[in-house]
Amino acid sequence: MRLVFADASGTVYDHPDYGALGRSGDLVTEILEDELIPLPEGATLVSLPGTRPVAVNLATGRMERVDEGDACAVGALLPQGYTRLLLPGYVKRAGAPPLPLFGYTAVVWKDDGFYVAAQRTDDPEKWNPANCDPDALEEGVRRLLAAYPENRLYKHLSHCALGYECLTASNTFLGRWEGAVPVSFACNAGCFGCISEQPEDSGFPAPQTRLKFRPTVDEIVEIMLEHLRGEDSIISFGQGCEGEPATQAPLIIEAIRRVRSVTKNGYININTNAGLSDHIRGIVDAGLDLMRVSTISAIEEHYNAYYRPRGYTLANVEKSLIYAESKGVYTSINYLVFPGVTDREEELEAMIEFARRTKLKLIQLRNLNIDPESYLQLIPPARGEILGMKQAIEILAAELPDVRIGSYTHVPPRRRAV
């Protein structure tokens, strides 16, 4: 397998004299054959500015930094349904700024094609960008903006769908699968890798802009009723373009009650950090069907370093999950994973016990979008063995046989009684 690199213009090449390497945390390592799959449809190759590739010199068998000209490392950005096993093999150049907030995956050239160090962990079909027809999307945007000309949420989501190419926002206009209903501009966490709001001195440009207004219950209900026409449709509070939805619990509770007085169709979901336990209790009691809780670790020191919670603890998160599950809500976690960290022995042990205590139904593996160096400097150092992401996924599946391992929100295998 040959090194893939890019020049200053972003043109990608393979190098006949160097073999590719990957990274697990800050450790440069070999890439095993069983860690590679062909570059999935919908994946994107990107250069890593300010880096130098690290590779194996095929003539000497030695690991080297590739200093030829302006060569920089290349990574792949994976579509939904695929979990990264290794980072690209690289080192930062002196004075290089943090990398943009994306999930970079090791990519190689092998057998006349690109391969990535990744594993398919869910069916990618629904979240393949190729299945979002741009003409149908534009027509859906025109139709719903005309039908609801005063609804500011539809106007906001039209930018998310057409500008950011957000698939959840796009689904809202296509009337299919999981759709979005953002409600909050505020958050009770200061996530280090927040994609919608960053301090000016963070060095990370936020790739999305946050919702800037407080919607009305009428605006929320219009979107919910429009989307929940299908039997298996999901409408979700808590999107990348907003803060923590539970900070707007009164809006959500009233909207759910009004919607459920009209239709029992579909599923109402919240993507949340679940720190506001009392607010989550009210939302659950209003008629919530699904809850996905974002987390990066079940170790408090690690969790706090990344999420920077304001006025809540990991114990509140666990309390919320336990209460929701006890009321029949289909609970899952949005597990932000990172090679060399998630696969640490102590991290796996803590997460397995957390899943058992909360009776999780689904673990959604999501590649953490972050500058690797900044993240590794932020969190506690490894205390135990690093097992590798492939083995970590196998351990989760073996130790939690009743928990589905996937990559995105699913409807329950059967509906709960109402």
Protein backbone atom coordinates (compact mmCIF):
# COMPACT_ATOMS: atom_id res chain seq x y z
CA MET A 1 0.00 0.00 0.00
CA ARG A 2 1.50 3.31 -1.11
CA LEU A 3 1.58 6.72 0.51
CA VAL A 4 -1.01 9.24 -0.64
CA PHE A 5 -0.02 12.91 -0.38
CA ALA A 6 -0.99 16.30 -1.79
CA ASP A 7 0.86 19.31 -3.17
CA ALA A 8 0.19 22.97 -2.37
CA SER A 9 -2.61 23.15 -4.92
CA GLY A 10 -4.43 20.21 -3.32
CA THR A 11 -3.68 17.76 -6.14
CA VAL A 12 -3.45 14.23 -4.74
CA TYR A 13 -0.73 11.74 -5.71
CA ASP A 14 0.49 8.34 -4.66
CA HIS A 15 4.24 7.89 -4.03
CA PRO A 16 5.96 4.83 -5.53
CA ASP A 17 8.86 5.00 -3.05
CA TYR A 18 6.91 5.18 0.21
CA GLY A 19 4.53 2.86 2.00
CA ALA A 20 1.59 4.36 3.89
CA LEU A 21 1.34 4.58 7.68
CA GLY A 22 -1.44 5.62 10.02
CA ARG A 23 -1.73 7.15 13.45
CA SER A 24 -3.36 5.92 16.64
CA GLY A 25 -3.49 8.99 18.86
CA ASP A 26 0.03 10.42 18.65
CA LEU A 27 1.63 7.08 17.74
CA VAL A 28 2.52 6.48 14.09
CA THR A 29 1.78 2.85 13.26
CA GLU A 30 1.49 0.37 10.44
CA ILE A 31 -1.84 -0.19 8.71
CA LEU A 32 -3.00 -3.79 8.64
CA GLU A 33 -4.69 -5.30 5.60
CA ASP A 34 -7.83 -6.15 7.57
CA GLU A 35 -8.17 -2.48 8.58
CA LEU A 36 -8.61 -1.35 4.97
CA ILE A 37 -11.74 -1.04 2.84
CA PRO A 38 -12.19 0.61 -0.57
CA LEU A 39 -12.89 4.35 -0.35
CA PRO A 40 -16.66 4.46 0.23
CA GLU A 41 -19.02 6.30 -2.08
CA GLY A 42 -19.62 9.75 -0.65
CA ALA A 43 -16.18 10.00 0.99
CA THR A 44 -14.00 13.04 0.30
CA LEU A 45 -10.21 13.30 0.11
CA VAL A 46 -8.73 16.41 1.75
CA SER A 47 -5.23 17.72 2.31
CA LEU A 48 -4.05 18.46 5.85
CA PRO A 49 -2.47 21.92 5.69
CA GLY A 50 0.61 22.48 7.77
CA THR A 51 1.56 18.80 7.92
CA ARG A 52 4.23 16.50 6.55
CA PRO A 53 3.44 12.85 5.71
CA VAL A 54 5.18 10.12 7.69
CA ALA A 55 5.73 6.93 5.71
CA VAL A 56 7.93 3.88 5.26
CA ASN A 57 10.84 4.25 2.83
CA LEU A 58 10.38 1.10 0.72
CA ALA A 59 14.09 0.96 -0.13
CA THR A 60 15.35 1.06 3.46
CA GLY A 61 12.30 -0.14 5.42
CA ARG A 62 12.68 2.85 7.73
CA MET A 63 9.97 5.25 8.90
CA GLU A 64 10.62 8.77 7.59
CA ARG A 65 9.09 12.20 7.42
CA VAL A 66 8.51 12.99 3.74
CA ASP A 67 10.05 16.41 3.16
CA GLU A 68 9.81 16.53 -0.62
CA GLY A 69 8.81 20.00 -1.82
CA ASP A 70 5.46 21.13 -0.45
CA ALA A 71 4.07 17.63 0.19
CA CYS A 72 1.43 17.44 2.91
CA ALA A 73 -0.62 14.58 4.32
CA VAL A 74 -4.01 13.53 2.94
CA GLY A 75 -7.00 12.21 4.84
CA ALA A 76 -10.45 10.95 3.94
CA LEU A 77 -13.69 12.35 5.37
CA LEU A 78 -16.04 9.39 5.69
CA PRO A 79 -19.80 9.38 5.08
CA GLN A 80 -22.26 8.25 7.73
CA GLY A 81 -22.15 4.53 8.43
CA TYR A 82 -18.35 4.21 8.46
CA THR A 83 -16.12 4.36 11.53
CA ARG A 84 -12.50 5.51 11.31
CA LEU A 85 -9.88 3.04 12.55
CA LEU A 86 -6.74 5.16 12.11
CA LEU A 87 -5.76 8.78 11.52
CA PRO A 88 -3.49 9.69 8.60
CA GLY A 89 0.24 9.29 9.27
CA TYR A 90 1.66 12.78 9.65
CA VAL A 91 3.49 15.27 11.83
CA LYS A 92 2.75 18.98 12.14
CA ARG A 93 5.13 21.54 10.69
CA ALA A 94 6.54 24.09 13.13
CA GLY A 95 4.02 26.85 13.81
CA ALA A 96 1.20 25.17 11.89
CA PRO A 97 -2.31 26.25 12.99
CA PRO A 98 -4.90 23.73 14.21
CA LEU A 99 -6.56 21.66 11.51
CA PRO A 100 -10.18 22.46 10.62
CA LEU A 101 -12.84 20.54 12.57
CA PHE A 102 -13.16 17.38 10.47
CA GLY A 103 -12.64 13.67 11.11
CA TYR A 104 -9.50 12.75 9.18
CA THR A 105 -9.05 9.08 8.25
CA ALA A 106 -5.92 7.31 6.97
CA VAL A 107 -6.04 6.76 3.19
CA VAL A 108 -3.69 4.68 1.01
CA TRP A 109 -3.28 3.71 -2.64
CA LYS A 110 -3.66 -0.04 -3.14
CA ASP A 111 -4.52 -2.24 -6.12
CA ASP A 112 -5.08 0.77 -8.38
CA GLY A 113 -7.53 2.46 -6.03
CA PHE A 114 -7.92 4.43 -2.83
CA TYR A 115 -8.49 2.52 0.41
CA VAL A 116 -9.22 3.85 3.90
CA ALA A 117 -8.58 2.54 7.41
CA ALA A 118 -12.24 2.22 8.34
CA GLN A 119 -15.05 -0.18 9.09
CA ARG A 120 -18.64 -0.11 7.99
CA THR A 121 -20.73 0.02 11.16
CA ASP A 122 -24.17 0.82 9.72
CA ASP A 123 -26.09 0.81 6.46
CA PRO A 124 -24.87 3.99 4.73
CA GLU A 125 -27.64 4.13 2.14
CA LYS A 126 -29.91 6.71 3.81
CA TRP A 127 -27.01 9.03 4.59
CA ASN A 128 -25.19 8.76 1.28
CA PRO A 129 -25.01 12.30 -0.18
CA ALA A 130 -25.49 10.78 -3.63
CA ASN A 131 -29.05 9.87 -2.63
CA CYS A 132 -29.97 13.50 -2.05
CA ASP A 133 -31.23 14.66 -5.44
CA PRO A 134 -30.43 18.39 -5.75
CA ASP A 135 -33.37 19.12 -8.04
CA ALA A 136 -35.81 17.38 -5.70
CA LEU A 137 -34.28 19.23 -2.75
CA GLU A 138 -34.64 22.64 -4.40
CA GLU A 139 -38.24 21.84 -5.27
CA GLY A 140 -38.91 20.75 -1.67
CA VAL A 141 -37.40 23.99 -0.37
CA ARG A 142 -39.53 26.08 -2.74
CA ARG A 143 -42.69 24.15 -1.83
CA LEU A 144 -42.34 24.43 1.94
CA LEU A 145 -41.15 28.04 1.94
CA ALA A 146 -44.22 28.90 -0.13
CA ALA A 147 -46.52 26.83 2.12
CA TYR A 148 -45.14 28.39 5.33
CA PRO A 149 -43.88 31.86 4.32
CA GLU A 150 -43.82 33.17 7.90
CA ASN A 151 -41.97 30.19 9.40
CA ARG A 152 -38.44 31.33 10.24
CA LEU A 153 -37.29 27.79 10.96
CA TYR A 154 -37.94 26.70 7.39
CA LYS A 155 -35.91 29.70 6.18
CA HIS A 156 -33.07 28.79 8.53
CA LEU A 157 -33.14 25.13 7.49
CA SER A 158 -33.17 26.04 3.79
CA HIS A 159 -29.72 27.57 4.26
CA CYS A 160 -28.55 24.46 6.16
CA ALA A 161 -29.82 22.21 3.36
CA LEU A 162 -28.67 24.21 0.33
CA GLY A 163 -25.63 25.98 1.77
CA TYR A 164 -24.12 23.47 4.20
CA GLU A 165 -25.61 20.43 2.42
CA CYS A 166 -26.81 19.12 5.78
CA LEU A 167 -28.60 15.85 5.09
CA THR A 168 -30.89 16.09 8.13
CA ALA A 169 -32.04 19.54 7.04
CA SER A 170 -32.42 18.23 3.49
CA ASN A 171 -34.61 15.38 4.73
CA THR A 172 -36.92 18.00 6.25
CA PHE A 173 -37.61 19.38 2.78
CA LEU A 174 -37.70 15.96 1.11
CA GLY A 175 -40.22 14.62 3.66
CA ARG A 176 -38.24 11.49 4.45
CA TRP A 177 -36.38 9.67 7.24
CA GLU A 178 -34.92 11.87 10.00
CA GLY A 179 -35.76 15.56 9.74
CA ALA A 180 -34.60 18.55 11.77
CA VAL A 181 -36.36 21.07 14.00
CA PRO A 182 -33.75 23.28 15.73
CA VAL A 183 -35.02 25.28 18.72
CA SER A 184 -32.09 26.61 20.76
CA PHE A 185 -29.38 29.24 20.40
CA ALA A 186 -28.06 28.64 23.95
CA CYS A 187 -26.04 25.80 25.44
CA ASN A 188 -25.12 24.53 28.89
CA ALA A 189 -21.79 23.15 27.66
CA GLY A 190 -18.74 24.76 26.09
CA CYS A 191 -17.61 21.85 23.94
CA PHE A 192 -14.00 22.08 22.86
CA GLY A 193 -14.93 20.92 19.37
CA CYS A 194 -18.29 22.66 18.96
CA ILE A 195 -19.11 22.94 15.26
CA SER A 196 -21.55 25.85 15.60
CA GLU A 197 -19.92 28.21 18.10
CA GLN A 198 -16.27 28.81 19.00
CA PRO A 199 -14.58 31.56 21.03
CA GLU A 200 -12.76 34.07 18.83
CA ASP A 201 -9.38 32.98 20.24
CA SER A 202 -9.98 29.21 19.89
CA GLY A 203 -8.12 28.83 16.60
CA PHE A 204 -10.97 26.66 15.29
CA PRO A 205 -13.26 28.26 12.74
CA ALA A 206 -16.77 26.89 13.38
CA PRO A 207 -17.97 25.29 10.12
CA GLN A 208 -21.63 26.17 10.81
CA THR A 209 -23.52 29.16 12.17
CA ARG A 210 -25.84 28.74 15.14
CA LEU A 211 -29.56 29.45 15.21
CA LYS A 212 -29.98 33.12 16.14
CA PHE A 213 -33.61 33.34 17.25
CA ARG A 214 -36.10 31.66 19.59
CA PRO A 215 -38.78 29.97 17.48
CA THR A 216 -42.43 29.97 18.43
CA VAL A 217 -44.37 26.85 19.30
CA ASP A 218 -46.42 27.36 16.12
CA GLU A 219 -43.28 27.33 13.97
CA ILE A 220 -42.05 24.15 15.65
CA VAL A 221 -45.40 22.38 15.38
CA GLU A 222 -45.74 23.22 11.68
CA ILE A 223 -42.44 21.49 10.90
CA MET A 224 -43.21 18.51 13.13
CA LEU A 225 -46.66 17.85 11.66
CA GLU A 226 -45.39 18.29 8.11
CA HIS A 227 -42.59 15.78 8.63
CA LEU A 228 -44.44 13.19 10.69
CA ARG A 229 -46.74 12.22 7.84
CA GLY A 230 -44.79 9.00 7.30
CA GLU A 231 -45.19 6.03 9.63
CA ASP A 232 -41.44 5.71 10.29
CA SER A 233 -40.49 9.38 10.00
CA ILE A 234 -38.28 10.85 12.73
CA ILE A 235 -38.30 14.53 13.67
CA SER A 236 -35.33 15.57 15.79
CA PHE A 237 -34.65 18.38 18.19
CA GLY A 238 -30.95 19.12 18.62
CA GLN A 239 -28.94 19.81 15.47
CA GLY A 240 -25.40 20.90 14.70
CA CYS A 241 -26.68 24.43 14.01
CA GLU A 242 -28.03 24.94 17.53
CA GLY A 243 -27.09 24.73 21.18
CA GLU A 244 -28.63 22.36 23.72
CA PRO A 245 -32.33 21.86 22.88
CA ALA A 246 -33.34 21.08 26.47
CA THR A 247 -32.60 24.72 27.37
CA GLN A 248 -35.87 25.39 25.51
CA ALA A 249 -37.79 22.65 27.31
CA PRO A 250 -41.08 24.61 27.67
CA LEU A 251 -41.22 25.10 23.88
CA ILE A 252 -40.46 21.45 23.21
CA ILE A 253 -42.93 20.14 25.80
CA GLU A 254 -45.80 22.25 24.46
CA ALA A 255 -44.95 21.36 20.84
CA ILE A 256 -44.86 17.61 21.58
CA ARG A 257 -48.19 17.76 23.38
CA ARG A 258 -49.85 19.66 20.57
CA VAL A 259 -48.44 17.35 17.90
CA ARG A 260 -49.42 14.19 19.75
CA SER A 261 -52.96 15.52 20.19
CA VAL A 262 -53.19 15.51 16.39
CA THR A 263 -51.16 12.50 15.22
CA LYS A 264 -49.47 9.40 16.59
CA ASN A 265 -47.43 8.98 13.39
CA GLY A 266 -43.66 8.77 13.36
CA TYR A 267 -41.13 9.27 16.12
CA ILE A 268 -40.10 12.35 18.09
CA ASN A 269 -36.39 12.39 18.92
CA ILE A 270 -34.07 14.66 20.87
CA ASN A 271 -30.31 14.89 20.37
CA THR A 272 -29.07 16.22 23.70
CA ASN A 273 -26.23 16.29 26.19
CA ALA A 274 -28.90 15.27 28.77
CA GLY A 275 -27.31 17.39 31.49
CA LEU A 276 -30.54 19.20 32.38
CA SER A 277 -32.14 16.20 34.07
CA ASP A 278 -35.33 17.97 35.23
CA HIS A 279 -35.91 19.42 31.76
CA ILE A 280 -35.33 16.04 30.15
CA ARG A 281 -37.85 14.51 32.56
CA GLY A 282 -40.51 16.98 31.38
CA ILE A 283 -39.72 16.34 27.72
CA VAL A 284 -39.90 12.58 28.24
CA ASP A 285 -43.23 12.87 30.05
CA ALA A 286 -44.66 14.97 27.20
CA GLY A 287 -44.34 12.00 24.82
CA LEU A 288 -40.76 11.64 23.60
CA ASP A 289 -40.05 8.46 21.61
CA LEU A 290 -36.27 8.51 21.05
CA MET A 291 -33.34 10.13 22.85
CA ARG A 292 -29.75 10.30 21.63
CA VAL A 293 -27.23 11.56 24.16
CA SER A 294 -23.92 12.97 22.99
CA THR A 295 -20.87 11.75 24.87
CA ILE A 296 -17.17 11.23 24.36
CA SER A 297 -16.30 9.19 27.44
CA ALA A 298 -17.76 7.61 30.56
CA ILE A 299 -14.72 8.81 32.52
CA GLU A 300 -15.63 12.11 34.19
CA GLU A 301 -12.19 13.74 33.83
CA HIS A 302 -12.19 13.10 30.08
CA TYR A 303 -15.86 14.04 29.66
CA ASN A 304 -15.40 17.34 31.51
CA ALA A 305 -12.26 18.27 29.57
CA TYR A 306 -14.10 18.07 26.25
CA TYR A 307 -17.68 19.11 27.10
CA ARG A 308 -16.86 21.74 29.73
CA PRO A 309 -20.31 21.31 31.32
CA ARG A 310 -21.98 24.32 32.90
CA GLY A 311 -24.04 23.44 35.94
CA TYR A 312 -24.27 19.69 35.39
CA THR A 313 -22.15 16.56 35.71
CA LEU A 314 -21.83 13.20 34.04
CA ALA A 315 -24.06 11.88 36.85
CA ASN A 316 -26.89 14.08 35.50
CA VAL A 317 -26.40 12.58 32.05
CA GLU A 318 -26.68 9.09 33.46
CA LYS A 319 -29.76 10.06 35.50
CA SER A 320 -31.49 11.38 32.38
CA LEU A 321 -30.79 8.22 30.41
CA ILE A 322 -32.04 5.97 33.20
CA TYR A 323 -35.26 7.96 33.57
CA ALA A 324 -35.96 8.04 29.83
CA GLU A 325 -35.37 4.31 29.47
CA SER A 326 -37.68 3.61 32.43
CA LYS A 327 -40.46 5.46 30.60
CA GLY A 328 -40.08 3.43 27.41
CA VAL A 329 -37.94 5.88 25.43
CA TYR A 330 -35.56 4.19 22.98
CA THR A 331 -32.22 5.51 24.24
CA SER A 332 -28.89 5.76 22.46
CA ILE A 333 -25.61 7.60 22.71
CA ASN A 334 -23.88 9.64 20.05
CA TYR A 335 -20.42 8.27 20.88
CA LEU A 336 -17.66 10.54 19.57
CA VAL A 337 -14.80 8.16 18.83
CA PHE A 338 -11.12 8.76 18.15
CA PRO A 339 -8.38 6.18 17.39
CA GLY A 340 -5.89 5.92 20.22
CA VAL A 341 -8.38 7.24 22.79
CA THR A 342 -11.72 5.43 22.50
CA ASP A 343 -9.82 2.14 22.23
CA ARG A 344 -7.93 2.62 25.50
CA GLU A 345 -8.57 -0.18 27.95
CA GLU A 346 -9.88 2.12 30.69
CA GLU A 347 -12.20 3.95 28.28
CA LEU A 348 -13.80 0.72 27.08
CA GLU A 349 -14.30 -0.62 30.58
CA ALA A 350 -15.97 2.60 31.71
CA MET A 351 -18.25 2.81 28.68
CA ILE A 352 -19.37 -0.81 28.94
CA GLU A 353 -20.38 -0.29 32.57
CA PHE A 354 -22.11 2.99 31.70
CA ALA A 355 -24.12 1.25 28.95
CA ARG A 356 -25.14 -1.51 31.33
CA ARG A 357 -26.23 0.88 34.10
CA THR A 358 -28.32 3.00 31.73
CA LYS A 359 -29.71 0.06 29.72
CA LEU A 360 -28.75 1.65 26.42
CA LYS A 361 -30.42 0.30 23.30
CA LEU A 362 -28.05 1.71 20.67
CA ILE A 363 -24.50 3.05 20.45
CA GLN A 364 -24.00 5.38 17.51
CA LEU A 365 -20.30 5.54 16.66
CA ARG A 366 -19.42 8.97 15.28
CA ASN A 367 -15.98 10.05 14.11
CA LEU A 368 -14.85 12.98 16.25
CA ASN A 369 -14.26 16.11 14.17
CA ILE A 370 -11.24 17.72 15.81
CA ASP A 371 -7.63 18.80 15.42
CA PRO A 372 -5.86 15.69 16.79
CA GLU A 373 -2.99 17.50 18.53
CA SER A 374 -5.30 19.90 20.36
CA TYR A 375 -7.56 17.08 21.52
CA LEU A 376 -4.71 14.89 22.75
CA GLN A 377 -3.27 17.79 24.75
CA LEU A 378 -6.67 18.42 26.32
CA ILE A 379 -7.58 15.00 27.68
CA PRO A 380 -6.03 12.71 30.33
CA PRO A 381 -3.13 10.51 29.15
CA ALA A 382 -3.70 6.81 28.55
CA ARG A 383 -3.52 4.65 31.67
CA GLY A 384 -3.95 1.22 30.11
CA GLU A 385 -3.31 -0.67 26.90
CA ILE A 386 -4.45 0.77 23.57
CA LEU A 387 -6.30 -2.07 21.85
CA GLY A 388 -7.03 -0.65 18.41
CA MET A 389 -10.38 0.58 17.11
CA LYS A 390 -11.25 -2.63 15.28
CA GLN A 391 -10.84 -4.68 18.47
CA ALA A 392 -12.61 -2.00 20.52
CA ILE A 393 -15.73 -2.27 18.33
CA GLU A 394 -15.61 -6.07 18.63
CA ILE A 395 -15.35 -5.82 22.42
CA LEU A 396 -18.33 -3.46 22.65
CA ALA A 397 -20.42 -5.86 20.56
CA ALA A 398 -19.36 -8.90 22.58
CA GLU A 399 -19.78 -7.32 26.02
CA LEU A 400 -23.08 -5.61 25.16
CA PRO A 401 -25.01 -8.23 23.16
CA ASP A 402 -28.35 -6.47 23.71
CA VAL A 403 -27.05 -3.10 22.47
CA ARG A 404 -27.09 -2.33 18.78
CA ILE A 405 -23.83 -0.92 17.38
CA GLY A 406 -24.51 1.54 14.58
CA SER A 407 -23.78 5.05 13.36
CA TYR A 408 -27.06 6.97 13.36
CA THR A 409 -30.57 7.11 14.82
CA HIS A 410 -32.89 4.19 14.08
CA VAL A 411 -36.52 3.60 14.89
CA PRO A 412 -37.05 0.94 17.56
CA PRO A 413 -37.42 -2.66 16.41
CA ARG A 414 -41.04 -2.44 17.60
CA ARG A 415 -43.10 0.47 18.84
CA ARG A 416 -43.76 0.86 22.53
CA ALA A 417 -47.34 0.72 23.71
CA VAL A 418 -49.17 4.04 24.04
